[in-house]
Amino acid sequence: MSTQPINRVMLLEGKRFALEVAQAAGTSIRNPKVALKIVTDLKRNAAAQPYSYAQGINEVIELLEVPS
């Protein structure tokens, strides 16, 4: 957990980006391998982003992660 303040606009932009990536997969996102690839790509992208933007991406990742 970070003590950095959250920039609400950046958080929403990160979430919007991640949702667009997930929606672009269409119905193929139901395939666990496709979902895993998207999650992996989003995690890689989040690691290179500012904290608030990454937190928005991470919120979507939590929804996409397939329980193993």
N, C-alpha and C. Protein backbone atom coordinates (compact mmCIF):
# COMPACT_ATOMS: atom_id res chain seq x y z
N MET A 1 0.85 -1.18 0.00
CA MET A 1 0.00 0.00 0.00
C MET A 1 0.89 1.23 0.00
N SER A 2 0.60 2.13 -0.87
CA SER A 2 1.39 3.35 -0.97
C SER A 2 0.71 4.48 -0.20
N THR A 3 1.50 5.40 0.24
CA THR A 3 0.96 6.57 0.94
C THR A 3 0.82 7.75 0.00
N GLN A 4 1.05 7.52 -1.29
CA GLN A 4 0.92 8.60 -2.26
C GLN A 4 -0.54 9.01 -2.40
N PRO A 5 -0.78 10.31 -2.59
CA PRO A 5 -2.16 10.74 -2.81
C PRO A 5 -2.65 10.28 -4.18
N ILE A 6 -3.93 10.01 -4.26
CA ILE A 6 -4.53 9.57 -5.52
C ILE A 6 -5.05 10.78 -6.28
N ASN A 7 -4.64 10.88 -7.53
CA ASN A 7 -5.16 11.90 -8.43
C ASN A 7 -6.37 11.26 -9.11
N ARG A 8 -7.54 11.74 -8.79
CA ARG A 8 -8.80 11.13 -9.26
C ARG A 8 -8.88 11.08 -10.79
N VAL A 9 -8.46 12.15 -11.46
CA VAL A 9 -8.52 12.19 -12.92
C VAL A 9 -7.61 11.11 -13.52
N MET A 10 -6.40 10.99 -13.01
CA MET A 10 -5.47 9.97 -13.51
C MET A 10 -6.00 8.56 -13.23
N LEU A 11 -6.60 8.36 -12.07
CA LEU A 11 -7.18 7.07 -11.73
C LEU A 11 -8.26 6.70 -12.74
N LEU A 12 -9.14 7.63 -13.04
CA LEU A 12 -10.22 7.36 -13.99
C LEU A 12 -9.68 7.14 -15.40
N GLU A 13 -8.64 7.85 -15.78
CA GLU A 13 -8.03 7.66 -17.10
C GLU A 13 -7.41 6.27 -17.22
N GLY A 14 -6.74 5.83 -16.16
CA GLY A 14 -6.16 4.48 -16.16
C GLY A 14 -7.23 3.42 -16.26
N LYS A 15 -8.32 3.62 -15.53
CA LYS A 15 -9.43 2.68 -15.56
C LYS A 15 -10.06 2.65 -16.95
N ARG A 16 -10.23 3.82 -17.55
CA ARG A 16 -10.81 3.92 -18.89
C ARG A 16 -9.95 3.17 -19.91
N PHE A 17 -8.64 3.39 -19.82
CA PHE A 17 -7.71 2.71 -20.73
C PHE A 17 -7.84 1.19 -20.60
N ALA A 18 -7.80 0.70 -19.36
CA ALA A 18 -7.85 -0.75 -19.13
C ALA A 18 -9.19 -1.34 -19.60
N LEU A 19 -10.26 -0.61 -19.39
CA LEU A 19 -11.56 -1.09 -19.85
C LEU A 19 -11.62 -1.16 -21.37
N GLU A 20 -11.04 -0.17 -22.04
CA GLU A 20 -11.01 -0.19 -23.50
C GLU A 20 -10.21 -1.39 -24.02
N VAL A 21 -9.10 -1.70 -23.36
CA VAL A 21 -8.30 -2.86 -23.76
C VAL A 21 -9.12 -4.14 -23.59
N ALA A 22 -9.80 -4.25 -22.47
CA ALA A 22 -10.61 -5.45 -22.20
C ALA A 22 -11.77 -5.55 -23.19
N GLN A 23 -12.42 -4.44 -23.47
CA GLN A 23 -13.56 -4.46 -24.39
C GLN A 23 -13.12 -4.76 -25.81
N ALA A 24 -11.92 -4.38 -26.18
CA ALA A 24 -11.42 -4.65 -27.52
C ALA A 24 -11.28 -6.15 -27.78
N ALA A 25 -11.14 -6.93 -26.72
CA ALA A 25 -11.03 -8.38 -26.87
C ALA A 25 -12.37 -9.01 -27.24
N GLY A 26 -13.44 -8.30 -27.01
CA GLY A 26 -14.76 -8.83 -27.34
C GLY A 26 -15.08 -10.07 -26.53
N THR A 27 -15.79 -10.99 -27.15
CA THR A 27 -16.20 -12.20 -26.44
C THR A 27 -15.05 -13.19 -26.22
N SER A 28 -13.94 -12.97 -26.91
CA SER A 28 -12.80 -13.87 -26.71
C SER A 28 -12.20 -13.73 -25.32
N ILE A 29 -12.59 -12.69 -24.60
CA ILE A 29 -12.08 -12.51 -23.23
C ILE A 29 -12.60 -13.61 -22.31
N ARG A 30 -13.60 -14.34 -22.73
CA ARG A 30 -14.11 -15.46 -21.93
C ARG A 30 -13.13 -16.62 -21.89
N ASN A 31 -12.22 -16.66 -22.87
CA ASN A 31 -11.18 -17.68 -22.90
C ASN A 31 -10.14 -17.33 -21.82
N PRO A 32 -9.90 -18.22 -20.88
CA PRO A 32 -8.95 -17.92 -19.79
C PRO A 32 -7.55 -17.53 -20.29
N LYS A 33 -7.11 -18.12 -21.39
CA LYS A 33 -5.78 -17.78 -21.91
C LYS A 33 -5.76 -16.34 -22.44
N VAL A 34 -6.82 -15.92 -23.07
CA VAL A 34 -6.91 -14.54 -23.57
C VAL A 34 -6.98 -13.58 -22.40
N ALA A 35 -7.79 -13.91 -21.40
CA ALA A 35 -7.91 -13.06 -20.22
C ALA A 35 -6.56 -12.93 -19.51
N LEU A 36 -5.83 -14.03 -19.41
CA LEU A 36 -4.51 -14.01 -18.78
C LEU A 36 -3.54 -13.13 -19.57
N LYS A 37 -3.58 -13.20 -20.88
CA LYS A 37 -2.71 -12.36 -21.73
C LYS A 37 -3.03 -10.88 -21.52
N ILE A 38 -4.31 -10.55 -21.47
CA ILE A 38 -4.72 -9.16 -21.26
C ILE A 38 -4.26 -8.68 -19.89
N VAL A 39 -4.46 -9.50 -18.87
CA VAL A 39 -4.03 -9.12 -17.51
C VAL A 39 -2.52 -8.91 -17.48
N THR A 40 -1.78 -9.80 -18.10
CA THR A 40 -0.32 -9.68 -18.14
C THR A 40 0.10 -8.39 -18.83
N ASP A 41 -0.52 -8.10 -19.96
CA ASP A 41 -0.20 -6.87 -20.69
C ASP A 41 -0.56 -5.62 -19.89
N LEU A 42 -1.71 -5.66 -19.22
CA LEU A 42 -2.11 -4.51 -18.40
C LEU A 42 -1.18 -4.31 -17.22
N LYS A 43 -0.74 -5.40 -16.60
CA LYS A 43 0.20 -5.28 -15.47
C LYS A 43 1.52 -4.67 -15.93
N ARG A 44 1.99 -5.09 -17.10
CA ARG A 44 3.22 -4.55 -17.65
C ARG A 44 3.06 -3.05 -17.93
N ASN A 45 1.92 -2.69 -18.48
CA ASN A 45 1.64 -1.28 -18.78
C ASN A 45 1.54 -0.47 -17.49
N ALA A 46 0.88 -1.00 -16.48
CA ALA A 46 0.70 -0.29 -15.21
C ALA A 46 2.03 -0.02 -14.53
N ALA A 47 2.97 -0.93 -14.68
CA ALA A 47 4.28 -0.77 -14.04
C ALA A 47 5.04 0.44 -14.58
N ALA A 48 4.70 0.86 -15.79
CA ALA A 48 5.41 1.98 -16.42
C ALA A 48 4.64 3.30 -16.31
N GLN A 49 3.57 3.32 -15.53
CA GLN A 49 2.71 4.49 -15.45
C GLN A 49 2.82 5.17 -14.09
N PRO A 50 2.40 6.44 -14.02
CA PRO A 50 2.33 7.10 -12.70
C PRO A 50 1.38 6.34 -11.77
N TYR A 51 1.58 6.54 -10.47
CA TYR A 51 0.88 5.77 -9.45
C TYR A 51 -0.64 5.79 -9.62
N SER A 52 -1.26 6.95 -9.74
CA SER A 52 -2.72 7.03 -9.81
C SER A 52 -3.26 6.34 -11.06
N TYR A 53 -2.60 6.53 -12.19
CA TYR A 53 -3.01 5.90 -13.44
C TYR A 53 -2.91 4.38 -13.30
N ALA A 54 -1.83 3.91 -12.70
CA ALA A 54 -1.63 2.47 -12.48
C ALA A 54 -2.70 1.90 -11.56
N GLN A 55 -3.12 2.66 -10.57
CA GLN A 55 -4.16 2.19 -9.67
C GLN A 55 -5.48 1.98 -10.42
N GLY A 56 -5.78 2.84 -11.36
CA GLY A 56 -6.97 2.66 -12.18
C GLY A 56 -6.89 1.39 -13.00
N ILE A 57 -5.73 1.13 -13.58
CA ILE A 57 -5.52 -0.11 -14.34
C ILE A 57 -5.66 -1.32 -13.42
N ASN A 58 -5.09 -1.22 -12.23
CA ASN A 58 -5.13 -2.34 -11.29
C ASN A 58 -6.55 -2.68 -10.84
N GLU A 59 -7.42 -1.67 -10.76
CA GLU A 59 -8.81 -1.95 -10.40
C GLU A 59 -9.48 -2.83 -11.45
N VAL A 60 -9.19 -2.59 -12.71
CA VAL A 60 -9.76 -3.41 -13.78
C VAL A 60 -9.10 -4.79 -13.78
N ILE A 61 -7.81 -4.84 -13.53
CA ILE A 61 -7.11 -6.13 -13.48
C ILE A 61 -7.76 -7.04 -12.43
N GLU A 62 -8.10 -6.49 -11.29
CA GLU A 62 -8.74 -7.29 -10.23
C GLU A 62 -10.04 -7.93 -10.72
N LEU A 63 -10.76 -7.23 -11.58
CA LEU A 63 -12.01 -7.78 -12.11
C LEU A 63 -11.76 -8.85 -13.16
N LEU A 64 -10.64 -8.74 -13.86
CA LEU A 64 -10.36 -9.67 -14.96
C LEU A 64 -9.66 -10.94 -14.52
N GLU A 65 -8.97 -10.89 -13.42
CA GLU A 65 -8.17 -12.05 -13.03
C GLU A 65 -9.04 -13.28 -12.85
N VAL A 66 -8.58 -14.35 -13.45
CA VAL A 66 -9.30 -15.62 -13.42
C VAL A 66 -8.77 -16.43 -12.24
N PRO A 67 -9.64 -16.84 -11.32
CA PRO A 67 -9.16 -17.66 -10.20
C PRO A 67 -8.61 -18.99 -10.71
N SER A 68 -7.46 -19.38 -10.14
CA SER A 68 -6.88 -20.65 -10.59
C SER A 68 -7.16 -21.78 -9.64
